[in-house]
Protein backbone atom coordinates (compact mmCIF):
# COMPACT_ATOMS: atom_id res chain seq x y z
CA MET A 1 0.34 0.16 0.16
CA ASN A 2 2.82 2.35 0.88
CA ARG A 3 4.51 1.62 -2.45
CA ARG A 4 0.82 2.69 -4.39
CA TYR A 5 0.59 5.73 -2.40
CA SER A 6 3.96 6.78 -3.22
CA ASN A 7 3.44 6.34 -6.78
CA ILE A 8 0.35 8.29 -6.69
CA LEU A 9 1.87 10.85 -4.85
CA LYS A 10 4.69 10.92 -7.18
CA VAL A 11 2.36 11.46 -10.46
CA LEU A 12 0.46 14.20 -8.15
CA LEU A 13 3.93 15.93 -7.83
CA LEU A 14 4.10 15.57 -11.89
CA VAL A 15 0.50 17.09 -12.35
CA ALA A 16 0.73 19.68 -10.56
CA VAL A 17 4.40 20.51 -11.99
CA VAL A 18 2.81 20.70 -15.47
CA VAL A 19 0.00 22.66 -14.07
CA VAL A 20 2.45 25.20 -12.88
CA ILE A 21 4.34 25.12 -16.00
CA VAL A 22 1.47 25.94 -18.37
CA VAL A 23 0.09 28.83 -15.87
CA ALA A 24 3.21 30.40 -15.84
CA ASN A 25 3.86 30.25 -19.37
CA VAL A 26 0.15 31.83 -20.35
CA SER A 27 0.53 34.27 -17.71
CA HIS A 28 3.71 35.10 -19.61
CA ARG A 29 2.48 35.01 -22.82
CA ASN A 30 -0.38 37.54 -21.33
CA THR A 31 1.83 39.89 -19.66
CA ALA A 32 2.73 43.27 -21.51
CA ILE A 33 5.90 43.80 -22.51
CA LYS A 34 7.85 46.04 -19.92
CA ASP A 35 10.64 47.93 -21.98
CA VAL A 36 13.13 47.35 -25.50
CA ALA A 37 16.68 46.83 -24.15
CA VAL A 38 19.28 47.37 -26.88
CA THR A 39 22.83 45.84 -26.68
CA VAL A 40 25.70 46.25 -29.48
CA ASP A 41 28.66 44.33 -30.17
CA TYR A 42 31.28 46.75 -31.65
CA LEU A 43 33.57 43.93 -32.08
CA GLY A 44 36.59 46.53 -31.03
CA ASN A 45 35.77 49.06 -33.84
CA ASP A 46 34.93 52.54 -33.72
CA THR A 47 30.83 53.36 -33.17
CA LEU A 48 28.70 53.39 -36.52
CA VAL A 49 24.91 53.01 -35.08
CA THR A 50 23.90 53.64 -31.45
CA ALA A 51 21.84 51.75 -29.00
CA GLU A 52 19.82 54.19 -29.12
CA GLN A 53 19.15 54.93 -32.86
CA LEU A 54 18.40 51.14 -33.14
CA ARG A 55 15.73 50.99 -29.92
CA GLY A 56 14.47 54.31 -31.67
CA GLN A 57 13.70 52.13 -35.27
CA VAL A 58 12.13 49.72 -32.99
CA LEU A 59 9.72 51.56 -31.28
CA TYR A 60 9.14 54.09 -34.11
CA LYS A 61 8.02 51.10 -36.37
CA TYR A 62 5.91 49.06 -33.04
CA ARG A 63 4.86 52.47 -31.51
CA ASP A 64 2.15 50.01 -28.85
CA ILE A 65 4.76 47.66 -28.30
CA THR A 66 5.11 48.47 -24.78
CA SER A 67 1.40 47.85 -24.02
CA GLN A 68 1.47 44.42 -26.44
CA PRO A 69 1.42 40.93 -24.65
CA VAL A 70 4.49 38.70 -25.16
CA SER A 71 2.19 36.47 -27.51
CA GLU A 72 1.44 39.29 -30.08
CA VAL A 73 4.84 40.78 -30.07
CA ASP A 74 6.33 40.13 -34.23
CA LEU A 75 9.78 38.78 -33.26
CA ASP A 76 10.61 37.80 -36.42
CA GLY A 77 9.54 41.71 -37.76
CA ILE A 78 11.77 43.24 -35.28
CA ARG A 79 14.89 40.83 -36.32
CA ALA A 80 14.15 41.73 -40.07
CA LEU A 81 13.71 45.89 -39.25
CA VAL A 82 17.08 45.99 -37.55
CA LYS A 83 19.19 43.52 -40.10
CA ALA A 84 17.82 45.99 -42.60
CA ASN A 85 19.94 48.70 -40.63
CA PRO A 86 23.01 48.92 -43.21
CA TYR A 87 26.11 48.62 -39.90
CA VAL A 88 24.10 45.75 -38.28
CA ASP A 89 26.00 42.10 -38.85
CA GLU A 90 23.56 39.88 -36.85
CA ALA A 91 20.67 40.14 -34.39
CA THR A 92 18.81 38.46 -31.97
CA VAL A 93 15.69 39.00 -30.72
CA SER A 94 14.21 37.55 -27.31
CA VAL A 95 11.93 37.98 -24.62
CA THR A 96 12.97 37.64 -21.18
CA VAL A 97 11.10 36.21 -17.76
CA SER A 98 10.09 39.34 -16.69
CA ALA A 99 8.80 40.43 -20.40
CA ASP A 100 12.05 42.71 -21.66
CA LEU A 101 12.30 42.65 -25.20
CA MET A 102 16.21 42.03 -26.02
CA ILE A 103 18.06 43.12 -28.94
CA ASN A 104 20.92 41.67 -29.14
CA ILE A 105 23.27 43.56 -31.81
CA THR A 106 26.65 42.84 -33.32
CA GLN A 107 27.92 45.74 -35.61
CA ARG A 108 29.36 45.14 -38.86
CA SER A 109 33.38 45.46 -38.98
CA PRO A 110 34.72 48.16 -41.65
CA LEU A 111 37.47 47.36 -43.55
CA VAL A 112 38.81 49.77 -46.19
CA ARG A 113 37.31 53.62 -47.72
CA VAL A 114 36.83 53.62 -50.69
CA PHE A 115 36.64 57.15 -52.73
CA THR A 116 35.30 57.10 -56.29
CA LYS A 117 34.88 60.10 -58.77
CA LYS A 118 31.27 59.97 -57.57
CA ARG A 119 31.16 58.49 -54.14
CA GLN A 120 32.82 57.15 -51.29
CA PHE A 121 31.87 54.02 -49.29
CA TYR A 122 33.44 51.00 -46.81
CA LEU A 123 33.68 47.72 -47.65
CA ASP A 124 33.56 45.42 -44.52
CA ASN A 125 34.90 42.86 -43.55
CA LYS A 126 33.50 40.03 -45.88
CA GLY A 127 33.13 42.87 -48.88
CA ARG A 128 29.95 44.18 -48.39
CA TYR A 129 29.11 47.80 -49.56
CA MET A 130 28.89 49.97 -46.37
CA PRO A 131 27.33 53.49 -46.27
CA ILE A 132 29.12 56.15 -44.66
CA SER A 133 28.37 56.68 -41.26
CA SER A 134 26.89 60.02 -40.09
CA VAL A 135 28.20 58.66 -36.48
CA LYS A 136 32.00 58.70 -36.72
CA ASN A 137 34.20 58.40 -38.99
CA GLN A 138 36.07 55.20 -38.94
CA CYS A 139 40.00 54.87 -38.63
CA VAL A 140 40.48 52.44 -41.50
CA ILE A 141 42.27 52.16 -44.88
CA ILE A 142 41.62 54.09 -47.60
CA ALA A 143 41.71 53.51 -50.77
CA ASN A 144 41.41 55.66 -54.09
CA GLY A 145 42.49 56.03 -57.47
CA ALA A 146 41.20 54.62 -60.56
CA ILE A 147 38.92 52.05 -59.25
CA ASP A 148 35.89 53.40 -60.86
CA LYS A 149 36.51 51.80 -64.63
CA ASP A 150 36.21 48.49 -63.92
CA PHE A 151 33.20 47.46 -61.38
CA PRO A 152 31.03 44.47 -61.02
CA GLY A 153 27.61 46.18 -60.59
CA LYS A 154 26.30 49.18 -58.21
CA PRO A 155 28.14 50.07 -55.49
CA LYS A 156 25.33 49.40 -52.87
CA ASP A 157 25.32 45.66 -54.56
CA LEU A 158 28.89 44.76 -53.89
CA ASP A 159 29.02 41.13 -52.24
CA LEU A 160 32.93 40.57 -52.46
CA GLY A 161 33.32 37.28 -50.48
CA ALA A 162 30.10 36.16 -52.42
CA LEU A 163 31.81 37.02 -55.82
CA LEU A 164 35.08 35.82 -55.35
CA ALA A 165 33.25 32.46 -54.22
CA SER A 166 31.15 32.01 -57.36
CA ASP A 167 33.98 33.73 -59.92
CA PRO A 168 37.42 32.42 -60.39
CA LYS A 169 38.04 35.69 -62.29
CA ALA A 170 36.78 38.01 -59.92
CA GLU A 171 40.38 39.13 -58.50
CA SER A 172 40.78 40.76 -62.04
CA TYR A 173 37.82 43.74 -60.64
CA ASP A 174 39.90 46.52 -59.34
CA ILE A 175 37.56 46.76 -56.68
CA VAL A 176 38.19 42.96 -55.57
CA LYS A 177 42.08 44.02 -55.97
CA VAL A 178 41.41 46.75 -53.31
CA TYR A 179 39.41 44.49 -51.09
CA LEU A 180 41.53 41.81 -50.93
CA LEU A 181 45.13 44.06 -50.50
CA ALA A 182 43.41 45.61 -47.66
CA LYS A 183 41.82 42.28 -46.32
CA TYR A 184 45.77 41.45 -46.17
CA ILE A 185 47.02 44.62 -44.27
CA ASN A 186 44.25 44.57 -41.81
CA ALA A 187 45.70 41.08 -40.82
CA ASP A 188 49.25 41.88 -41.32
CA PRO A 189 50.35 43.51 -37.95
CA LYS A 190 53.67 44.63 -39.39
CA ALA A 191 51.74 45.97 -42.59
CA LYS A 192 49.11 47.37 -40.75
CA ALA A 193 51.45 49.35 -39.03
CA LEU A 194 53.68 50.84 -42.24
CA PHE A 195 50.45 51.48 -44.44
CA ASP A 196 46.75 53.08 -44.26
CA GLN A 197 46.21 54.08 -47.94
CA ILE A 198 45.85 51.59 -51.24
CA PHE A 199 46.08 53.68 -54.72
CA ILE A 200 45.13 52.35 -58.13
CA ASN A 201 47.09 54.13 -61.02
CA GLN A 202 46.21 54.22 -64.31
CA ASP A 203 47.43 50.78 -65.41
CA GLY A 204 45.69 49.18 -62.94
CA ASP A 205 48.64 48.32 -60.58
CA LEU A 206 47.52 48.84 -57.03
CA GLU A 207 49.83 51.26 -55.09
CA VAL A 208 50.65 51.29 -51.46
CA VAL A 209 51.94 54.57 -49.35
CA PRO A 210 53.56 54.01 -45.91
CA LYS A 211 53.19 56.29 -42.61
CA LEU A 212 56.68 57.12 -42.77
CA GLY A 213 58.18 58.29 -45.99
CA ASN A 214 57.65 60.20 -48.77
CA HIS A 215 58.07 57.32 -51.72
CA VAL A 216 55.14 54.86 -52.44
CA VAL A 217 55.26 51.20 -53.23
CA ILE A 218 53.94 49.35 -56.13
CA ILE A 219 52.42 45.94 -55.54
CA GLY A 220 51.35 45.32 -59.07
CA ASN A 221 48.34 42.26 -58.62
CA THR A 222 47.17 40.37 -55.32
CA GLU A 223 49.68 37.16 -56.42
CA ASN A 224 51.95 36.60 -54.05
CA LEU A 225 51.75 39.22 -51.48
CA ASP A 226 53.39 37.54 -48.74
CA GLU A 227 56.72 36.91 -50.79
CA LYS A 228 56.20 40.70 -52.04
CA PHE A 229 55.66 42.16 -48.43
CA GLU A 230 58.50 39.92 -46.93
CA ASN A 231 60.89 41.21 -49.55
CA LEU A 232 59.76 44.94 -48.67
CA TYR A 233 60.39 44.55 -45.08
CA ALA A 234 63.65 43.00 -46.13
CA LEU A 235 64.54 45.78 -47.97
CA TYR A 236 63.01 48.29 -45.22
CA ASP A 237 65.35 46.57 -42.38
CA LYS A 238 68.65 46.36 -44.44
CA GLY A 239 68.18 49.10 -46.97
CA PHE A 240 66.42 51.88 -45.88
CA SER A 241 66.94 51.38 -42.49
CA LYS A 242 70.71 52.35 -43.29
CA VAL A 243 70.95 54.78 -46.33
CA GLY A 244 67.71 56.87 -45.29
CA TRP A 245 63.55 56.38 -46.03
CA ASP A 246 63.71 59.84 -48.57
CA LYS A 247 66.08 58.31 -50.64
CA TYR A 248 63.99 56.88 -53.38
CA SER A 249 60.21 57.79 -54.54
CA ILE A 250 59.50 54.43 -56.09
CA VAL A 251 59.82 51.22 -54.98
CA ASN A 252 58.03 48.44 -57.34
CA LEU A 253 57.31 44.85 -56.37
CA LYS A 254 55.37 43.61 -59.19
CA TYR A 255 57.84 41.39 -60.70
CA ILE A 256 58.86 38.58 -58.78
CA ASP A 257 61.96 37.93 -57.92
CA GLN A 258 62.63 41.17 -57.63
CA ILE A 259 62.45 45.24 -56.57
CA ILE A 260 63.08 47.66 -58.56
CA CYS A 261 63.72 51.07 -56.58
CA THR A 262 63.59 54.52 -58.40
CA LYS A 263 65.92 57.37 -56.69
CA LYS A 264 64.32 61.50 -56.24
CA GLN A 265 65.28 63.63 -58.92
């Protein structure tokens, strides 16, 4: 008998727990949203968009959200809204136990600021177009020169990472060469410390402008970048450190296994 009563008691307790969970869930679903909170992970980059701006976007479109019950909140719609912001990379939207709407954002990472004859914009670390932010200028590599003459579509539609994955000939585009070189420089601490500008000359060759010295470095294309920069570092360490940084106006690395230096006139 004791075992029977014990089993009955266990069943009753289980039923009670289920009832409590169901009641709590129903109560939570019927509770009105109390607040909207937004967090932004900038991944170490400068601010392109603020939590206040994103919160304002949500409250502007969903004006009655703080009086809506949890069950009626359009989580997918809110996520789509914040994802449409050109500075947002990833977004998660959820409701807490206390009925607060939580929006967690990861900001996109600008890689290079591109100047063409008609416009300027950023490319992010995935090669996607980003407009210039009104919040703050980004401390990133600058790219200019004859970039306009060879463009794979409209700037606003650029997704160079996807283009490179689908088209093996994509590296021939000047803007793709800029992206790949900027990505290389950004990943190499030594190159990042030395260079802050990329230039496309009239021959379509890549050039980089060092922060120190009055010379330009002709890279050519994006092939053999490791070898080219290793040769350049050796030149700087063993040559320029002895003869000076202002003796030459051009350092040409575009040819395999040789460096051609042009003296200043």
